[in-house]
Structure formats: structure tokens, C-alpha cells
Protein backbone atom coordinates (compact mmCIF):
# COMPACT_ATOMS: atom_id res chain seq x y z
CA MET A 1 -21.91 -43.91 15.23
CA LEU A 2 -22.61 -41.13 12.82
CA GLY A 3 -26.00 -41.41 13.34
CA ARG A 4 -25.51 -40.60 17.31
CA TYR A 5 -23.87 -37.26 16.70
CA PHE A 6 -25.72 -36.03 13.52
CA PRO A 7 -28.56 -34.34 15.70
CA VAL A 8 -25.64 -32.32 18.01
CA ALA A 9 -24.01 -31.50 14.85
CA LEU A 10 -27.08 -30.21 13.13
CA GLY A 11 -28.41 -28.42 16.50
CA PHE A 12 -24.90 -26.47 16.71
CA VAL A 13 -25.03 -25.57 12.78
CA ILE A 14 -28.75 -24.14 13.41
CA PHE A 15 -27.83 -22.61 16.74
CA THR A 16 -24.83 -20.86 15.10
CA ALA A 17 -27.02 -19.57 11.91
CA THR A 18 -29.69 -18.12 14.12
CA THR A 19 -27.49 -16.46 16.63
CA ALA A 20 -24.53 -15.40 14.77
CA GLN A 21 -24.02 -11.55 14.38
CA PRO A 22 -23.13 -10.11 10.99
CA ALA A 23 -19.26 -8.88 11.15
CA ASN A 24 -20.56 -5.31 10.30
CA THR A 25 -23.41 -4.92 12.81
CA GLN A 26 -23.03 -0.92 13.43
CA GLY A 27 -22.89 -0.09 9.48
CA GLU A 28 -19.00 0.53 9.63
CA THR A 29 -17.88 0.39 6.35
CA ARG A 30 -13.87 -0.63 5.38
CA ARG A 31 -12.60 1.86 2.54
CA ILE A 32 -10.84 0.27 -0.28
CA LEU A 33 -8.30 1.49 -2.67
CA THR A 34 -10.30 1.00 -6.03
CA ALA A 35 -8.47 0.16 -9.57
CA SER A 36 -9.99 3.68 -10.80
CA ALA A 37 -8.34 5.66 -8.27
CA ALA A 38 -5.19 3.58 -8.48
CA MET A 39 -5.15 4.14 -12.45
CA LYS A 40 -5.34 7.71 -11.57
CA MET A 41 -2.38 8.01 -9.63
CA VAL A 42 -0.38 6.30 -12.12
CA HIS A 43 -1.69 8.89 -14.71
CA GLY A 44 -0.49 11.73 -12.00
CA CYS A 45 2.53 10.10 -11.67
CA LEU A 46 2.90 9.87 -15.30
CA SER A 47 2.35 13.56 -15.64
CA LYS A 48 4.64 14.56 -12.99
CA ALA A 49 7.39 12.40 -14.48
CA ALA A 50 7.02 13.67 -18.12
CA ALA A 51 7.17 17.16 -17.08
CA GLU A 52 10.10 16.81 -15.17
CA ASN A 53 12.03 14.41 -17.87
CA TRP A 54 11.97 11.56 -15.12
CA LEU A 55 12.15 8.12 -16.40
CA MET A 56 9.82 5.95 -13.50
CA HIS A 57 8.41 2.85 -12.40
CA ILE A 58 5.43 2.95 -10.87
CA ALA A 59 3.87 0.33 -8.26
CA ILE A 60 0.39 0.92 -6.27
CA MET A 61 -0.82 -1.61 -3.94
CA ASP A 62 -3.70 -1.77 -1.76
CA ASN A 63 -3.07 -2.27 2.23
CA HIS A 64 -2.79 -6.09 1.89
CA GLY A 65 0.28 -5.76 -0.33
CA ASN A 66 -1.75 -6.74 -3.50
CA LEU A 67 -0.86 -4.96 -6.58
CA LYS A 68 -3.55 -2.41 -7.99
CA ALA A 69 -1.61 -0.73 -10.76
CA TYR A 70 1.69 -0.71 -12.26
CA HIS A 71 3.69 1.27 -14.77
CA ARG A 72 7.18 1.49 -16.35
CA MET A 73 7.71 4.30 -18.43
CA ASP A 74 9.50 3.96 -21.87
CA ASP A 75 13.12 3.48 -21.30
CA ALA A 76 13.23 3.24 -17.55
CA GLN A 77 16.13 1.55 -16.09
CA LEU A 78 14.98 -2.23 -15.37
CA LEU A 79 16.38 -2.11 -11.88
CA SER A 80 14.04 0.42 -10.61
CA HIS A 81 11.13 -2.13 -11.22
CA ASP A 82 11.79 -4.20 -7.85
CA VAL A 83 12.72 -1.31 -5.92
CA ALA A 84 9.44 0.54 -6.73
CA MET A 85 7.40 -2.70 -5.82
CA ALA A 86 9.41 -2.65 -2.60
CA LYS A 87 8.53 0.80 -1.51
CA ALA A 88 5.12 0.06 -2.68
CA ARG A 89 4.72 -2.91 -0.55
CA SER A 90 6.71 -1.24 2.40
CA SER A 91 4.24 1.56 2.62
CA SER A 92 1.07 -0.50 1.71
CA LEU A 93 1.39 -2.61 4.91
CA SER A 94 2.08 0.46 7.24
CA PRO A 95 1.21 4.01 7.17
CA ARG A 96 4.29 5.00 7.15
CA SER A 97 6.58 6.52 4.33
CA THR A 98 9.65 4.54 3.17
CA ARG A 99 11.49 7.70 4.06
CA GLN A 100 10.49 7.32 7.76
CA TRP A 101 10.97 3.58 8.22
CA GLY A 102 14.67 4.62 7.05
CA GLU A 103 14.88 7.35 9.72
CA MET A 104 13.11 5.01 12.41
CA ALA A 105 15.94 2.41 11.38
CA PHE A 106 19.05 4.39 10.57
CA GLY A 107 18.28 8.17 11.44
CA ASN A 108 21.00 10.14 12.64
CA GLY A 109 23.62 7.81 12.24
CA ARG A 110 22.19 4.96 14.80
CA VAL A 111 25.14 2.58 15.44
CA PRO A 112 23.46 -0.05 15.95
CA PRO A 113 20.67 0.69 14.03
CA THR A 114 16.72 0.12 15.76
CA ALA A 115 14.97 -2.78 15.38
CA ALA A 116 13.40 -1.51 12.50
CA ALA A 117 16.36 -2.07 10.32
CA PHE A 118 15.70 -5.71 11.06
CA VAL A 119 11.99 -6.09 9.59
CA PRO A 120 12.03 -8.44 7.00
CA GLY A 121 10.59 -6.87 3.59
CA LEU A 122 10.89 -3.45 4.72
CA ASN A 123 12.64 -0.74 2.06
CA TYR A 124 14.30 2.43 3.25
CA PHE A 125 14.62 4.30 -0.19
CA GLU A 126 12.82 7.60 -0.21
CA GLY A 127 9.75 7.12 -2.98
CA GLY A 128 7.23 5.18 -0.84
CA LEU A 129 4.15 6.47 0.35
CA PRO A 130 1.15 5.66 2.38
CA ILE A 131 -2.07 6.11 0.52
CA MET A 132 -4.41 7.12 3.21
CA THR A 133 -8.10 8.66 3.03
CA ALA A 134 -9.24 11.89 4.03
CA ASP A 135 -10.58 10.68 7.45
CA GLY A 136 -7.18 8.82 8.01
CA GLN A 137 -7.78 5.23 7.00
CA HIS A 138 -4.69 3.90 5.44
CA ILE A 139 -5.72 1.96 2.31
CA GLY A 140 -2.64 0.93 0.37
CA GLY A 141 0.75 2.57 -0.98
CA ILE A 142 2.58 3.62 -3.71
CA GLY A 143 5.98 3.16 -4.78
CA VAL A 144 8.15 5.23 -7.51
CA SER A 145 11.32 4.79 -8.41
CA GLY A 146 13.69 5.68 -11.35
CA ASP A 147 15.33 9.11 -10.26
CA THR A 148 16.34 10.36 -6.79
CA GLY A 149 14.58 9.42 -3.65
CA ALA A 150 13.48 13.17 -3.07
CA ASN A 151 12.31 13.14 -6.78
CA ASP A 152 10.53 9.76 -6.47
CA ALA A 153 8.61 11.13 -3.40
CA ILE A 154 7.60 14.28 -5.56
CA CYS A 155 6.29 11.98 -7.96
CA ALA A 156 4.63 9.76 -5.84
CA GLN A 157 2.74 12.65 -4.29
CA ALA A 158 1.69 13.73 -7.28
CA GLY A 159 -0.01 10.73 -8.16
CA ILE A 160 -1.63 10.25 -4.91
CA ASP A 161 -2.98 13.93 -5.38
CA ALA A 162 -4.24 13.29 -8.92
CA ALA A 163 -6.60 10.61 -6.82
CA ALA A 164 -7.42 13.32 -4.30
CA ASP A 165 -11.50 13.15 -5.06
CA ASP A 166 -11.39 9.19 -4.71
CA LEU A 167 -9.72 9.78 -1.23
CA LYS A 168 -12.51 11.57 0.17
């Protein structure tokens, strides 16, 4: 029985192999968040946080939610670990800041909140920013936690700014 179907299966494999087009036929490239850029972001955040006497957790993820870099400053509160990770994840999976998500969900005291408030896994605390290339490609997210939301966002932006050359 196997012998009867073998030529058909072999023919299908040969046909597929000879006619299949590569996924990238027009020379398109997809940018990725490199480990080098992620580390530059960590160091940019560390510089800003040290200058302001903030104790931060810094998490950087690619646009699939994979952790690329993480740093906890000495004596930063432990609770901020989970918050920084959640902020980074929220902004890594969508090209929106956590503040934007919060405004979409709860802005202007919406009662009831919009559907955005019920998306599993989203974090609405300020301090998560999407990482975008100069040409607008979303390649990841950065989450910073340890101070006020506004200061977390300032620190996250300092990290992105530190890797600006890698995002061109």
C-alpha cells in the first residue's frame, strides 16, 4: 500500500521544492531589535536614573515579547521587577505606550471602561514605550519601573534615545 502512494508523495515534494517562492522575493527586510541596541538602552536608562537619583528596573523586549535585556539597579524595590516586565511586554506587542493603553481604556474617567481595559496581559501604568525604527517599524518595547510613572517614562525615553543610531 505504501508503495502505491510513494511516487505521488515524492512527486508532490519535488513539485513543491521546485515551484515554491522564497518568503522574501522582493528584497524586503524585517528589522529586529539587536542585543547591542538593547544594551545601549539599558545604559541610557542607567545614566538618566543615576543623574536623577531614581532606582529603576529596566526591561527590554523584542516585538514578540522575548526578553532582550534586563537590569535592576542596586536597592531598587523588588515589586518594580514585575511592573517593568509587564510594561515592556505591553509595549513590545503593540506600537503603543502603556500610557496610551491606559488612556484608551480609562481616559476621562470612562465608566464603564472601554474594551481595552479587558485585554489580558496589558499594563496601563506609564513607563512602557514601544521601540520604533526611524522608518516606523515596531521592533520591541521598553518598560521602566521604580519611580513615578512620569519619571519611568522619561527614563525609558532616555534609553531609546541612547540607541538612536541603531534604530536608523
